[in-house]
């Protein structure tokens, strides 16, 4: 566990924000999917594995006011805190491995772009799903984006798990219903293409 934290701290300490493959100044796909969901702008949102993502900045500008972010890297979270300190936000900053999330909070919207696919062991995957089930409100929403079957085999030097939409849907089928799916190409800052599957679920149980 500590080794993976060291890995990500090193990345965020040594690379500029636009020197990582997942950088998006305006994360349009995520923003569009969030806008499509029926929710109040005061509802609780959490962005999992936020890193130094600009998703929270963009949501705050759109008057969402309860945005929590979680990342294993303190360096990443500190930068986002500094960047957004002038905005009204009642959310929390969780410095944690997602599998060790320790909170009683439940969320109307859980957003995960490119964290779930880093879990490669069955027990890790099942643990993540259980955490989602426990921390998303009934009638709340889960947005999850992973590398597709055509996506890379590794990211940031780490092995990943690629998913079809059907595979993601089956994994979360116990308490979630798939309401939208999207296959899209992400153009990295290095002009390479990464193919993603995005799924939007509603928690029905």
C-alpha atoms as a PDB file:
ATOM      1  CA  UNK A   1       0.000   0.000   0.000  1.00  0.00           C
ATOM      2  CA  UNK A   2       2.773   2.430   0.912  1.00  0.00           C
ATOM      3  CA  UNK A   3       4.590   1.622  -2.331  1.00  0.00           C
ATOM      4  CA  UNK A   4       1.652   2.735  -4.456  1.00  0.00           C
ATOM      5  CA  UNK A   5       1.403   5.967  -2.474  1.00  0.00           C
ATOM      6  CA  UNK A   6       5.108   6.616  -3.076  1.00  0.00           C
ATOM      7  CA  UNK A   7       4.584   5.954  -6.787  1.00  0.00           C
ATOM      8  CA  UNK A   8       1.853   8.591  -7.114  1.00  0.00           C
ATOM      9  CA  UNK A   9       3.505  11.142  -4.831  1.00  0.00           C
ATOM     10  CA  UNK A  10       6.592  10.922  -7.023  1.00  0.00           C
ATOM     11  CA  UNK A  11       4.569  11.483 -10.189  1.00  0.00           C
ATOM     12  CA  UNK A  12       2.844  14.578  -8.838  1.00  0.00           C
ATOM     13  CA  UNK A  13       6.073  15.955  -7.382  1.00  0.00           C
ATOM     14  CA  UNK A  14       8.140  15.510 -10.539  1.00  0.00           C
ATOM     15  CA  UNK A  15       5.699  16.151 -13.401  1.00  0.00           C
ATOM     16  CA  UNK A  16       3.914  19.334 -14.329  1.00  0.00           C
ATOM     17  CA  UNK A  17       0.145  19.117 -14.473  1.00  0.00           C
ATOM     18  CA  UNK A  18       0.125  18.976 -18.295  1.00  0.00           C
ATOM     19  CA  UNK A  19       2.887  16.346 -18.431  1.00  0.00           C
ATOM     20  CA  UNK A  20       0.630  13.428 -17.518  1.00  0.00           C
ATOM     21  CA  UNK A  21      -1.432  11.536 -20.082  1.00  0.00           C
ATOM     22  CA  UNK A  22      -4.757  12.145 -18.322  1.00  0.00           C
ATOM     23  CA  UNK A  23      -4.505  15.946 -18.259  1.00  0.00           C
ATOM     24  CA  UNK A  24      -7.613  17.870 -19.380  1.00  0.00           C
ATOM     25  CA  UNK A  25      -7.948  21.589 -18.748  1.00  0.00           C
ATOM     26  CA  UNK A  26     -11.671  21.209 -19.410  1.00  0.00           C
ATOM     27  CA  UNK A  27     -12.821  17.607 -18.817  1.00  0.00           C
ATOM     28  CA  UNK A  28     -15.715  17.932 -21.247  1.00  0.00           C
ATOM     29  CA  UNK A  29     -16.940  14.330 -21.214  1.00  0.00           C
ATOM     30  CA  UNK A  30     -17.185  14.257 -17.419  1.00  0.00           C
ATOM     31  CA  UNK A  31     -18.811  17.681 -17.282  1.00  0.00           C
ATOM     32  CA  UNK A  32     -21.381  16.743 -19.934  1.00  0.00           C
ATOM     33  CA  UNK A  33     -22.238  13.487 -18.164  1.00  0.00           C
ATOM     34  CA  UNK A  34     -22.622  15.263 -14.820  1.00  0.00           C
ATOM     35  CA  UNK A  35     -24.831  17.935 -16.428  1.00  0.00           C
ATOM     36  CA  UNK A  36     -27.088  15.194 -17.794  1.00  0.00           C
ATOM     37  CA  UNK A  37     -27.880  13.925 -14.292  1.00  0.00           C
ATOM     38  CA  UNK A  38     -30.895  15.235 -12.396  1.00  0.00           C
ATOM     39  CA  UNK A  39     -29.420  16.608  -9.186  1.00  0.00           C
ATOM     40  CA  UNK A  40     -29.301  19.771  -7.121  1.00  0.00           C
ATOM     41  CA  UNK A  41     -26.072  21.759  -7.259  1.00  0.00           C
ATOM     42  CA  UNK A  42     -25.861  21.491  -3.472  1.00  0.00           C
ATOM     43  CA  UNK A  43     -25.876  17.675  -3.571  1.00  0.00           C
ATOM     44  CA  UNK A  44     -22.740  15.851  -2.468  1.00  0.00           C
ATOM     45  CA  UNK A  45     -20.306  14.938  -5.254  1.00  0.00           C
ATOM     46  CA  UNK A  46     -17.044  13.042  -4.905  1.00  0.00           C
ATOM     47  CA  UNK A  47     -14.292  12.773  -7.517  1.00  0.00           C
ATOM     48  CA  UNK A  48     -12.254   9.617  -6.952  1.00  0.00           C
ATOM     49  CA  UNK A  49      -8.546   9.692  -7.806  1.00  0.00           C
ATOM     50  CA  UNK A  50      -8.787  13.370  -8.626  1.00  0.00           C
ATOM     51  CA  UNK A  51      -5.050  13.988  -8.754  1.00  0.00           C
ATOM     52  CA  UNK A  52      -4.622  17.606  -9.867  1.00  0.00           C
ATOM     53  CA  UNK A  53      -7.687  17.408 -12.109  1.00  0.00           C
ATOM     54  CA  UNK A  54      -9.524  20.566 -13.113  1.00  0.00           C
ATOM     55  CA  UNK A  55     -12.917  18.862 -12.748  1.00  0.00           C
ATOM     56  CA  UNK A  56     -13.518  20.481  -9.351  1.00  0.00           C
ATOM     57  CA  UNK A  57     -12.534  23.937 -10.690  1.00  0.00           C
ATOM     58  CA  UNK A  58     -14.996  23.615 -13.547  1.00  0.00           C
ATOM     59  CA  UNK A  59     -17.806  22.371 -11.297  1.00  0.00           C
ATOM     60  CA  UNK A  60     -17.286  25.188  -8.802  1.00  0.00           C
ATOM     61  CA  UNK A  61     -17.529  27.682 -11.654  1.00  0.00           C
ATOM     62  CA  UNK A  62     -20.865  26.092 -12.536  1.00  0.00           C
ATOM     63  CA  UNK A  63     -22.086  26.707  -8.944  1.00  0.00           C
ATOM     64  CA  UNK A  64     -21.819  23.171  -7.598  1.00  0.00           C
ATOM     65  CA  UNK A  65     -20.994  23.754  -3.921  1.00  0.00           C
ATOM     66  CA  UNK A  66     -20.446  20.379  -2.256  1.00  0.00           C
ATOM     67  CA  UNK A  67     -17.570  18.714  -4.063  1.00  0.00           C
ATOM     68  CA  UNK A  68     -15.266  16.301  -2.284  1.00  0.00           C
ATOM     69  CA  UNK A  69     -12.140  14.923  -3.894  1.00  0.00           C
ATOM     70  CA  UNK A  70     -10.080  11.886  -3.001  1.00  0.00           C
ATOM     71  CA  UNK A  71      -6.530  11.073  -3.981  1.00  0.00           C
ATOM     72  CA  UNK A  72      -3.701   9.042  -2.529  1.00  0.00           C
ATOM     73  CA  UNK A  73      -1.274  11.925  -3.206  1.00  0.00           C
ATOM     74  CA  UNK A  74      -1.079  14.701  -0.616  1.00  0.00           C
ATOM     75  CA  UNK A  75       0.954  16.725  -3.112  1.00  0.00           C
ATOM     76  CA  UNK A  76      -1.898  16.625  -5.621  1.00  0.00           C
ATOM     77  CA  UNK A  77      -4.567  17.507  -3.074  1.00  0.00           C
ATOM     78  CA  UNK A  78      -2.550  20.406  -1.654  1.00  0.00           C
ATOM     79  CA  UNK A  79      -2.256  21.951  -5.109  1.00  0.00           C
ATOM     80  CA  UNK A  80      -5.982  21.661  -5.759  1.00  0.00           C
ATOM     81  CA  UNK A  81      -6.790  23.115  -2.321  1.00  0.00           C
ATOM     82  CA  UNK A  82      -4.587  26.113  -3.078  1.00  0.00           C
ATOM     83  CA  UNK A  83      -6.046  26.535  -6.550  1.00  0.00           C
ATOM     84  CA  UNK A  84      -9.678  26.494  -5.387  1.00  0.00           C
ATOM     85  CA  UNK A  85      -9.395  28.198  -1.996  1.00  0.00           C
ATOM     86  CA  UNK A  86     -11.304  31.300  -3.106  1.00  0.00           C
ATOM     87  CA  UNK A  87     -14.374  29.282  -4.170  1.00  0.00           C
ATOM     88  CA  UNK A  88     -17.325  28.350  -1.956  1.00  0.00           C
ATOM     89  CA  UNK A  89     -17.153  24.611  -1.374  1.00  0.00           C
ATOM     90  CA  UNK A  90     -18.570  22.526   1.479  1.00  0.00           C
ATOM     91  CA  UNK A  91     -16.891  19.310   0.370  1.00  0.00           C
ATOM     92  CA  UNK A  92     -13.941  17.443   1.869  1.00  0.00           C
ATOM     93  CA  UNK A  93     -10.436  16.552   0.733  1.00  0.00           C
ATOM     94  CA  UNK A  94      -9.661  12.897   1.415  1.00  0.00           C
ATOM     95  CA  UNK A  95      -6.001  11.887   1.244  1.00  0.00           C
ATOM     96  CA  UNK A  96      -6.465   8.150   1.008  1.00  0.00           C
ATOM     97  CA  UNK A  97      -6.250   5.058  -1.102  1.00  0.00           C
ATOM     98  CA  UNK A  98      -9.830   4.550  -2.307  1.00  0.00           C
ATOM     99  CA  UNK A  99      -9.837   1.048  -0.825  1.00  0.00           C
ATOM    100  CA  UNK A 100      -9.216   2.633   2.602  1.00  0.00           C
ATOM    101  CA  UNK A 101     -11.914   5.326   2.379  1.00  0.00           C
ATOM    102  CA  UNK A 102     -12.977   6.157   5.951  1.00  0.00           C
ATOM    103  CA  UNK A 103     -16.084   8.328   6.092  1.00  0.00           C
ATOM    104  CA  UNK A 104     -19.748   8.073   7.016  1.00  0.00           C
ATOM    105  CA  UNK A 105     -20.651  10.423   4.168  1.00  0.00           C
ATOM    106  CA  UNK A 106     -22.826   9.269   1.316  1.00  0.00           C
ATOM    107  CA  UNK A 107     -22.808  10.955  -2.064  1.00  0.00           C
ATOM    108  CA  UNK A 108     -25.398  11.788  -4.698  1.00  0.00           C
ATOM    109  CA  UNK A 109     -22.731  11.468  -7.396  1.00  0.00           C
ATOM    110  CA  UNK A 110     -19.565   9.380  -7.478  1.00  0.00           C
ATOM    111  CA  UNK A 111     -17.211  10.223 -10.350  1.00  0.00           C
ATOM    112  CA  UNK A 112     -14.253   8.025 -11.269  1.00  0.00           C
ATOM    113  CA  UNK A 113     -12.283   8.685 -14.416  1.00  0.00           C
ATOM    114  CA  UNK A 114      -9.436   6.173 -14.650  1.00  0.00           C
ATOM    115  CA  UNK A 115      -9.057   4.845 -11.104  1.00  0.00           C
ATOM    116  CA  UNK A 116     -11.095   1.648 -11.230  1.00  0.00           C
ATOM    117  CA  UNK A 117      -9.003   0.220 -14.057  1.00  0.00           C
ATOM    118  CA  UNK A 118      -5.867   0.336 -11.862  1.00  0.00           C
ATOM    119  CA  UNK A 119      -7.386  -2.384  -9.655  1.00  0.00           C
ATOM    120  CA  UNK A 120      -6.165  -5.681 -11.053  1.00  0.00           C
ATOM    121  CA  UNK A 121      -6.911  -8.164  -8.244  1.00  0.00           C
ATOM    122  CA  UNK A 122     -10.352  -9.671  -7.727  1.00  0.00           C
ATOM    123  CA  UNK A 123     -10.483  -8.753  -4.035  1.00  0.00           C
ATOM    124  CA  UNK A 124      -9.568  -5.115  -4.822  1.00  0.00           C
ATOM    125  CA  UNK A 125     -12.273  -4.899  -7.491  1.00  0.00           C
ATOM    126  CA  UNK A 126     -14.908  -6.417  -5.191  1.00  0.00           C
ATOM    127  CA  UNK A 127     -13.856  -4.110  -2.346  1.00  0.00           C
ATOM    128  CA  UNK A 128     -14.215  -1.048  -4.592  1.00  0.00           C
ATOM    129  CA  UNK A 129     -17.688  -2.114  -5.691  1.00  0.00           C
ATOM    130  CA  UNK A 130     -18.747  -2.625  -2.075  1.00  0.00           C
ATOM    131  CA  UNK A 131     -17.439   0.847  -1.169  1.00  0.00           C
ATOM    132  CA  UNK A 132     -19.534   2.327  -3.991  1.00  0.00           C
ATOM    133  CA  UNK A 133     -22.599   0.451  -2.763  1.00  0.00           C
ATOM    134  CA  UNK A 134     -22.067   1.761   0.776  1.00  0.00           C
ATOM    135  CA  UNK A 135     -21.284   5.392  -0.057  1.00  0.00           C
ATOM    136  CA  UNK A 136     -23.678   6.289  -2.889  1.00  0.00           C
ATOM    137  CA  UNK A 137     -27.223   7.343  -1.991  1.00  0.00           C
ATOM    138  CA  UNK A 138     -30.149   5.287  -3.231  1.00  0.00           C
ATOM    139  CA  UNK A 139     -31.182   6.994  -6.488  1.00  0.00           C
ATOM    140  CA  UNK A 140     -27.680   8.462  -6.597  1.00  0.00           C
ATOM    141  CA  UNK A 141     -25.342   8.119  -9.546  1.00  0.00           C
ATOM    142  CA  UNK A 142     -22.026   6.510 -10.433  1.00  0.00           C
ATOM    143  CA  UNK A 143     -19.959   7.717 -13.382  1.00  0.00           C
ATOM    144  CA  UNK A 144     -17.068   5.429 -14.134  1.00  0.00           C
ATOM    145  CA  UNK A 145     -14.556   5.742 -16.969  1.00  0.00           C
ATOM    146  CA  UNK A 146     -12.040   3.003 -17.760  1.00  0.00           C
ATOM    147  CA  UNK A 147      -9.755   2.029 -20.599  1.00  0.00           C
ATOM    148  CA  UNK A 148     -11.787   0.025 -23.109  1.00  0.00           C
ATOM    149  CA  UNK A 149     -10.861  -3.261 -24.747  1.00  0.00           C
ATOM    150  CA  UNK A 150      -8.931  -1.140 -27.281  1.00  0.00           C
ATOM    151  CA  UNK A 151      -7.199   0.956 -24.628  1.00  0.00           C
ATOM    152  CA  UNK A 152      -3.612   0.782 -23.342  1.00  0.00           C
ATOM    153  CA  UNK A 153      -2.347  -2.158 -21.307  1.00  0.00           C
ATOM    154  CA  UNK A 154      -0.470   0.117 -18.892  1.00  0.00           C
ATOM    155  CA  UNK A 155      -0.726   3.632 -17.532  1.00  0.00           C
ATOM    156  CA  UNK A 156       1.914   5.528 -15.586  1.00  0.00           C
ATOM    157  CA  UNK A 157       4.042   2.389 -15.595  1.00  0.00           C
ATOM    158  CA  UNK A 158       1.340   0.315 -13.887  1.00  0.00           C
ATOM    159  CA  UNK A 159      -0.690  -2.621 -15.161  1.00  0.00           C
ATOM    160  CA  UNK A 160      -4.379  -1.899 -15.676  1.00  0.00           C
ATOM    161  CA  UNK A 161      -7.555  -3.861 -16.383  1.00  0.00           C
ATOM    162  CA  UNK A 162      -9.379  -3.045 -19.617  1.00  0.00           C
ATOM    163  CA  UNK A 163     -13.172  -3.272 -19.675  1.00  0.00           C
ATOM    164  CA  UNK A 164     -16.004  -3.569 -22.125  1.00  0.00           C
ATOM    165  CA  UNK A 165     -19.267  -1.844 -21.197  1.00  0.00           C
ATOM    166  CA  UNK A 166     -20.865  -5.259 -20.649  1.00  0.00           C
ATOM    167  CA  UNK A 167     -18.127  -6.240 -18.215  1.00  0.00           C
ATOM    168  CA  UNK A 168     -18.511  -3.039 -16.193  1.00  0.00           C
ATOM    169  CA  UNK A 169     -22.291  -3.371 -16.177  1.00  0.00           C
ATOM    170  CA  UNK A 170     -22.104  -6.941 -14.893  1.00  0.00           C
ATOM    171  CA  UNK A 171     -19.703  -6.036 -12.089  1.00  0.00           C
ATOM    172  CA  UNK A 172     -21.971  -3.292 -10.725  1.00  0.00           C
ATOM    173  CA  UNK A 173     -25.306  -5.018 -11.445  1.00  0.00           C
ATOM    174  CA  UNK A 174     -26.065  -5.945  -7.834  1.00  0.00           C
ATOM    175  CA  UNK A 175     -27.260  -2.448  -6.858  1.00  0.00           C
ATOM    176  CA  UNK A 176     -26.805  -0.290  -9.943  1.00  0.00           C
ATOM    177  CA  UNK A 177     -28.660   0.062 -13.236  1.00  0.00           C
ATOM    178  CA  UNK A 178     -26.798   1.247 -16.349  1.00  0.00           C
ATOM    179  CA  UNK A 179     -28.524   4.334 -17.789  1.00  0.00           C
ATOM    180  CA  UNK A 180     -25.945   5.637 -20.268  1.00  0.00           C
ATOM    181  CA  UNK A 181     -22.764   4.485 -21.979  1.00  0.00           C
ATOM    182  CA  UNK A 182     -20.168   6.221 -24.113  1.00  0.00           C
ATOM    183  CA  UNK A 183     -17.070   5.112 -25.980  1.00  0.00           C
ATOM    184  CA  UNK A 184     -14.611   7.914 -26.634  1.00  0.00           C
ATOM    185  CA  UNK A 185     -11.016   8.645 -27.587  1.00  0.00           C
ATOM    186  CA  UNK A 186      -8.919  10.747 -25.223  1.00  0.00           C
ATOM    187  CA  UNK A 187      -6.150  12.722 -26.912  1.00  0.00           C
ATOM    188  CA  UNK A 188      -3.224  12.946 -24.508  1.00  0.00           C
ATOM    189  CA  UNK A 189      -0.892  15.975 -24.280  1.00  0.00           C
ATOM    190  CA  UNK A 190       1.589  13.820 -26.220  1.00  0.00           C
ATOM    191  CA  UNK A 191      -0.819  13.402 -29.178  1.00  0.00           C
ATOM    192  CA  UNK A 192      -1.505   9.741 -28.493  1.00  0.00           C
ATOM    193  CA  UNK A 193      -4.973   8.213 -28.327  1.00  0.00           C
ATOM    194  CA  UNK A 194      -6.460   6.341 -25.370  1.00  0.00           C
ATOM    195  CA  UNK A 195      -9.841   4.696 -25.901  1.00  0.00           C
ATOM    196  CA  UNK A 196     -12.243   4.886 -22.926  1.00  0.00           C
ATOM    197  CA  UNK A 197     -15.596   3.447 -21.991  1.00  0.00           C
ATOM    198  CA  UNK A 198     -17.738   5.673 -19.756  1.00  0.00           C
ATOM    199  CA  UNK A 199     -20.734   4.229 -17.932  1.00  0.00           C
ATOM    200  CA  UNK A 200     -23.378   6.119 -15.969  1.00  0.00           C
ATOM    201  CA  UNK A 201     -25.263   4.073 -13.378  1.00  0.00           C
ATOM    202  CA  UNK A 202     -28.161   4.827 -11.059  1.00  0.00           C
ATOM    203  CA  UNK A 203     -28.214   3.142  -7.678  1.00  0.00           C
ATOM    204  CA  UNK A 204     -31.543   1.369  -7.501  1.00  0.00           C
ATOM    205  CA  UNK A 205     -31.207  -0.658  -4.269  1.00  0.00           C
END
